[in-house]
Protein backbone atom coordinates (compact mmCIF):
# COMPACT_ATOMS: atom_id res chain seq x y z
CA MET A 1 -25.67 112.26 -190.39
CA LYS A 2 -27.84 109.22 -189.86
CA PHE A 3 -29.44 106.50 -192.01
CA GLU A 4 -32.73 107.67 -189.92
CA GLU A 5 -32.40 110.59 -191.88
CA TYR A 6 -33.48 108.31 -194.62
CA ILE A 7 -35.64 105.64 -193.68
CA LYS A 8 -38.55 105.97 -191.11
CA GLU A 9 -39.80 103.89 -188.55
CA ASN A 10 -43.56 104.10 -190.27
CA GLU A 11 -42.00 103.62 -193.69
CA ILE A 12 -41.10 100.21 -193.17
CA SER A 13 -43.59 98.60 -191.56
CA GLN A 14 -46.40 99.67 -194.67
CA PRO A 15 -47.18 96.66 -195.90
CA ARG A 16 -46.29 96.30 -199.75
CA THR A 17 -46.26 93.09 -202.71
CA PRO A 18 -42.92 91.79 -203.27
CA GLN A 19 -42.83 93.91 -206.26
CA GLU A 20 -43.15 97.08 -204.09
CA TYR A 21 -41.68 95.61 -201.34
CA VAL A 22 -38.72 95.31 -203.67
CA ASP A 23 -38.98 98.54 -205.51
CA TRP A 24 -39.28 100.09 -202.40
CA PHE A 25 -35.56 98.87 -200.95
CA LYS A 26 -33.72 99.40 -203.83
CA GLU A 27 -33.78 102.62 -203.33
CA LYS A 28 -32.52 102.80 -199.60
CA LEU A 29 -30.30 100.85 -200.84
CA ALA A 30 -28.70 103.42 -203.51
CA ILE A 31 -28.61 105.54 -200.82
CA THR A 32 -26.45 103.59 -198.66
CA LYS A 33 -23.90 103.77 -202.12
CA THR A 34 -24.39 107.40 -202.49
CA LEU A 35 -23.87 108.36 -199.04
CA LYS A 36 -20.60 105.67 -197.92
CA GLU A 37 -18.86 107.32 -196.19
CA GLU A 38 -21.46 109.35 -194.53
CA LEU A 39 -23.22 106.56 -193.40
CA GLU A 40 -19.68 104.05 -193.08
CA THR A 41 -19.86 103.47 -189.11
CA GLN A 42 -23.09 103.18 -188.64
CA ASN A 43 -23.48 100.46 -191.44
CA LEU A 44 -20.80 98.52 -190.73
CA LEU A 45 -21.52 98.73 -186.90
CA HIS A 46 -25.12 98.10 -187.64
CA GLU A 47 -26.01 100.60 -185.47
CA GLY A 48 -29.91 102.11 -185.67
CA ILE A 49 -31.43 101.84 -187.61
CA ALA A 50 -28.62 100.20 -190.21
CA LYS A 51 -29.27 96.38 -187.96
CA LYS A 52 -32.85 96.36 -189.04
CA PHE A 53 -32.09 97.32 -192.94
CA TYR A 54 -29.64 95.01 -193.11
CA GLU A 55 -30.33 92.06 -190.46
CA GLU A 56 -33.88 91.70 -191.60
CA LEU A 57 -34.97 94.07 -194.52
CA PHE A 58 -31.93 92.62 -196.82
CA PRO A 59 -32.88 88.88 -196.42
CA LEU A 60 -36.81 89.79 -196.99
CA TYR A 61 -35.67 92.48 -200.24
CA LEU A 62 -33.45 88.69 -201.26
CA LEU A 63 -36.28 85.96 -200.18
CA LEU A 64 -38.35 88.38 -202.37
CA GLN A 65 -36.79 88.82 -205.20
CA ASN A 66 -37.22 84.77 -205.61
CA LYS A 67 -40.62 84.65 -204.74
CA LEU A 68 -42.00 87.76 -206.90
CA VAL A 69 -44.02 85.11 -209.06
CA GLU A 70 -45.02 83.12 -206.75
CA TRP A 71 -46.21 85.42 -204.05
CA ASP A 72 -46.81 88.19 -206.68
CA ARG A 73 -50.84 88.06 -204.95
CA ILE A 74 -49.46 88.87 -201.49
CA LYS A 75 -48.20 92.12 -198.89
CA VAL A 76 -45.17 92.09 -196.44
CA LYS A 77 -45.64 93.83 -193.44
CA PRO A 78 -42.16 94.27 -191.17
CA ILE A 79 -42.62 95.06 -188.19
CA MET A 80 -41.48 97.38 -185.71
CA SER A 81 -42.00 96.39 -182.65
CA ASN A 82 -40.58 92.81 -180.73
CA PRO A 83 -42.81 90.09 -181.26
CA PRO A 84 -41.74 86.77 -181.76
CA TYR A 85 -41.65 87.53 -185.86
CA ASP A 86 -40.23 90.13 -187.39
CA VAL A 87 -43.12 90.09 -190.13
CA GLU A 88 -46.07 89.55 -191.12
CA VAL A 89 -47.24 88.29 -194.77
CA LEU A 90 -50.80 88.71 -195.68
CA THR A 91 -52.43 86.49 -197.77
CA CYS A 92 -54.93 83.97 -197.97
CA ARG A 93 -53.12 81.60 -199.15
CA GLU A 94 -53.03 78.23 -197.33
CA ASP A 95 -49.69 77.33 -199.24
CA ILE A 96 -47.31 80.57 -197.91
CA PRO A 97 -46.36 81.55 -194.63
CA ASN A 98 -48.12 84.01 -192.19
CA TYR A 99 -45.28 85.30 -190.75
CA LEU A 100 -40.73 85.68 -191.44
CA GLU A 101 -38.61 85.31 -187.99
CA ILE A 102 -35.19 86.03 -189.96
CA THR A 103 -31.49 85.26 -189.21
CA VAL A 104 -27.94 86.25 -189.91
CA THR A 105 -24.91 83.99 -189.76
CA ASP A 106 -22.82 87.28 -191.13
CA PHE A 107 -23.17 89.57 -188.36
CA ASP A 108 -22.38 88.38 -184.48
CA GLU A 109 -20.36 90.15 -181.69
CA ALA A 110 -16.40 89.20 -183.46
CA GLU A 111 -17.76 90.97 -186.57
CA LYS A 112 -18.77 93.61 -185.15
CA ALA A 113 -15.28 93.33 -183.57
CA ARG A 114 -13.90 93.01 -186.63
CA MET A 115 -16.08 96.32 -188.02
CA LYS A 116 -14.65 98.11 -185.55
CA TYR A 117 -11.24 97.87 -186.01
CA HIS A 118 -11.27 98.42 -189.50
CA LEU A 119 -12.92 101.93 -189.33
CA ASN A 120 -9.49 102.57 -187.78
CA ASN A 121 -7.51 99.77 -189.39
CA VAL A 122 -6.45 97.91 -192.93
CA LEU A 123 -8.51 94.30 -191.93
CA ALA A 124 -8.98 91.79 -193.57
CA GLY A 125 -8.03 88.74 -191.48
CA ASN A 126 -10.47 87.01 -187.92
CA VAL A 127 -10.38 89.10 -185.08
CA LEU A 128 -9.62 87.93 -181.53
CA ILE A 129 -11.60 88.97 -177.97
CA LYS A 130 -10.86 89.53 -174.75
CA ARG A 131 -11.75 90.09 -172.11
CA ASP A 132 -10.37 92.06 -168.74
CA GLU A 133 -12.82 92.47 -165.78
CA LYS A 134 -11.22 96.19 -165.41
CA THR A 135 -10.56 97.33 -169.01
CA GLY A 136 -13.39 96.00 -171.04
CA LYS A 137 -12.68 94.35 -174.73
CA LYS A 138 -10.07 94.44 -176.08
CA ILE A 139 -9.75 93.20 -179.77
CA SER A 140 -6.73 92.02 -181.44
CA VAL A 141 -5.31 91.10 -185.15
CA ILE A 142 -5.56 86.89 -185.20
CA ASP A 143 -4.23 86.51 -188.72
CA ASN A 144 -4.40 88.32 -192.17
CA GLU A 145 -4.64 85.71 -194.64
CA ALA A 146 -6.74 84.04 -196.25
CA HIS A 147 -8.97 80.70 -195.05
CA ARG A 148 -9.26 77.69 -197.28
CA CYS A 149 -12.87 77.71 -199.10
CA GLU A 150 -13.71 74.54 -197.28
CA ASP A 151 -12.44 75.77 -193.94
CA ILE A 152 -14.79 78.97 -194.79
CA ASN A 153 -17.78 77.29 -195.63
CA GLN A 154 -17.46 74.86 -192.72
CA LYS A 155 -17.61 77.90 -190.76
CA VAL A 156 -20.63 78.60 -192.13
CA LYS A 157 -22.66 75.58 -191.87
CA GLU A 158 -22.02 76.11 -188.17
CA ARG A 159 -23.30 79.44 -188.20
CA ILE A 160 -26.41 78.23 -189.57
CA ILE A 161 -26.52 75.43 -187.69
CA GLU A 162 -25.96 78.02 -184.72
CA ARG A 163 -28.50 80.46 -185.56
CA ILE A 164 -31.78 77.71 -186.22
CA ASN A 165 -30.88 76.88 -182.81
CA ASP A 166 -30.81 79.85 -180.91
CA LYS A 167 -34.29 80.68 -182.65
CA MET A 168 -36.18 76.76 -182.21
CA THR A 169 -35.86 78.78 -178.11
CA LYS A 170 -39.21 80.83 -179.54
CA SER A 171 -42.29 80.97 -179.70
CA PRO A 172 -43.37 81.71 -183.47
CA PRO A 173 -47.22 81.77 -183.99
CA HIS A 174 -48.41 78.97 -185.82
CA ASN A 175 -47.36 79.15 -190.24
CA THR A 176 -44.16 81.13 -189.80
CA ALA A 177 -41.09 79.98 -191.58
CA LEU A 178 -37.44 80.50 -190.80
CA LEU A 179 -35.43 82.25 -193.56
CA VAL A 180 -31.16 82.72 -192.54
CA TYR A 181 -28.70 84.48 -194.59
CA PHE A 182 -25.33 84.17 -195.55
CA ASP A 183 -22.94 86.11 -197.14
CA ASP A 184 -22.30 83.86 -200.95
CA SER A 185 -19.36 86.20 -201.94
CA ILE A 186 -17.49 84.51 -199.24
CA ALA A 187 -18.96 80.75 -198.57
CA PHE A 188 -20.46 78.64 -201.14
CA CYS A 189 -20.05 80.93 -203.95
CA HIS A 190 -22.24 81.78 -206.36
CA ASP A 191 -20.13 81.08 -208.47
CA LYS A 192 -19.02 78.20 -208.60
CA ALA A 193 -21.04 75.82 -209.98
CA ASN A 194 -20.98 73.12 -207.36
CA SER A 195 -21.75 75.29 -204.57
CA LYS A 196 -25.20 74.29 -205.03
CA ILE A 197 -25.22 70.90 -204.44
CA LYS A 198 -22.58 71.46 -201.25
CA MET A 199 -25.84 73.58 -199.96
CA ASN A 200 -28.84 71.02 -200.83
CA SER A 201 -27.15 67.88 -199.04
CA PHE A 202 -25.78 69.81 -196.34
CA LEU A 203 -29.53 71.22 -195.66
CA ASP A 204 -30.46 67.97 -196.44
CA SER A 205 -28.20 66.45 -193.56
CA ILE A 206 -29.10 69.00 -190.69
CA THR A 207 -30.62 66.88 -188.05
CA ILE A 208 -32.49 70.32 -185.86
CA GLN A 209 -36.04 69.22 -185.76
CA TRP A 210 -37.31 72.91 -186.86
CA GLN A 211 -39.84 71.54 -188.38
CA ASN A 212 -41.50 71.38 -185.04
CA LYS A 213 -41.75 75.00 -185.23
CA PHE A 214 -41.42 76.06 -188.29
CA VAL A 215 -43.02 75.04 -191.32
CA ALA A 216 -40.50 76.26 -193.61
CA LEU A 217 -36.77 77.07 -193.84
CA TYR A 218 -35.94 79.58 -196.21
CA VAL A 219 -31.70 80.52 -196.53
CA VAL A 220 -30.28 83.38 -199.17
CA GLY A 221 -27.44 84.52 -199.84
CA ALA A 222 -25.94 88.09 -200.29
CA SER A 223 -26.14 88.66 -203.95
CA GLY A 224 -29.59 87.66 -204.42
CA GLU A 225 -28.52 83.88 -206.99
CA SER A 226 -28.60 81.71 -203.15
CA PHE A 227 -31.84 80.44 -202.62
CA TYR A 228 -31.98 77.36 -200.56
CA GLU A 229 -36.09 76.51 -199.38
CA ARG A 230 -37.12 73.00 -197.12
CA ARG A 231 -41.22 72.55 -196.41
CA ARG A 232 -41.80 71.22 -193.29
CA VAL A 233 -43.39 67.39 -194.93
CA GLY A 234 -47.37 67.02 -194.66
C-alpha cells in the first residue's frame, strides 16, 4: 500500500484558502494515523509523496494554523515542480509574501538512517554512519541515552542555522519568505515556560543576513503551538 493512493499530485497543487488547506491537510493526516502500519516504511523514510507531505505540506499546515485570521483572504498553492520556492501565495496584499521556501531541521541523512534501523530494531538513540567504498554505507547505534535539554536545544540551533545557510545559496524570486520547521516535542519544548524566551533570544542573535534573500523568516514547531516570526526591516 502506498500513500500515493490517498494523495494525488494534482490535488496537492490546488489553490486553497488557509482554512481550506488546514481542513484538507487534517483529512490526509488522519489517513496516516488510520493506516499507520501499512504506510509505516514510506512515512518513516519520507519516500515518494511522503517526502513532500512531511517536509513541505506539514510545515505549511503549521504556519497556516497560526495565520488563519491574518491571512484569511489569500490562497496558497504548493508547487510540485522544482522552482526556487515551494509554495505560491496568491494575494494582492503587499504585507504578505508571494512565495514560501520551506526547510526542516529534523530529517537528514542521519535521521533517515535511524529510521531505517528502527524498522528492524528498537531504537531511541543516535546513529553513526560509516562509509566503505566496497560495501557502501553501514549503520550502527552510538548510544541510547537521553541528552540534556540544553544539548538538544543547541543541536536544533545549529540545524536551523545550517538550513538557513543552505537556502542562502538559492535565488528565490522577489518577496519570498523562508519557513523553518523543527520538532518542539524534543527541543525548545512547547510545554516549557522558558522555551519561547530562549528561541526568541536565539533568533535575535542569528548573524546570517537572511534579509538579503527573504522578506520574512517563519519558524514553526511540530505541535503547532510554537510559532516565531521575523520580518525584513524596511
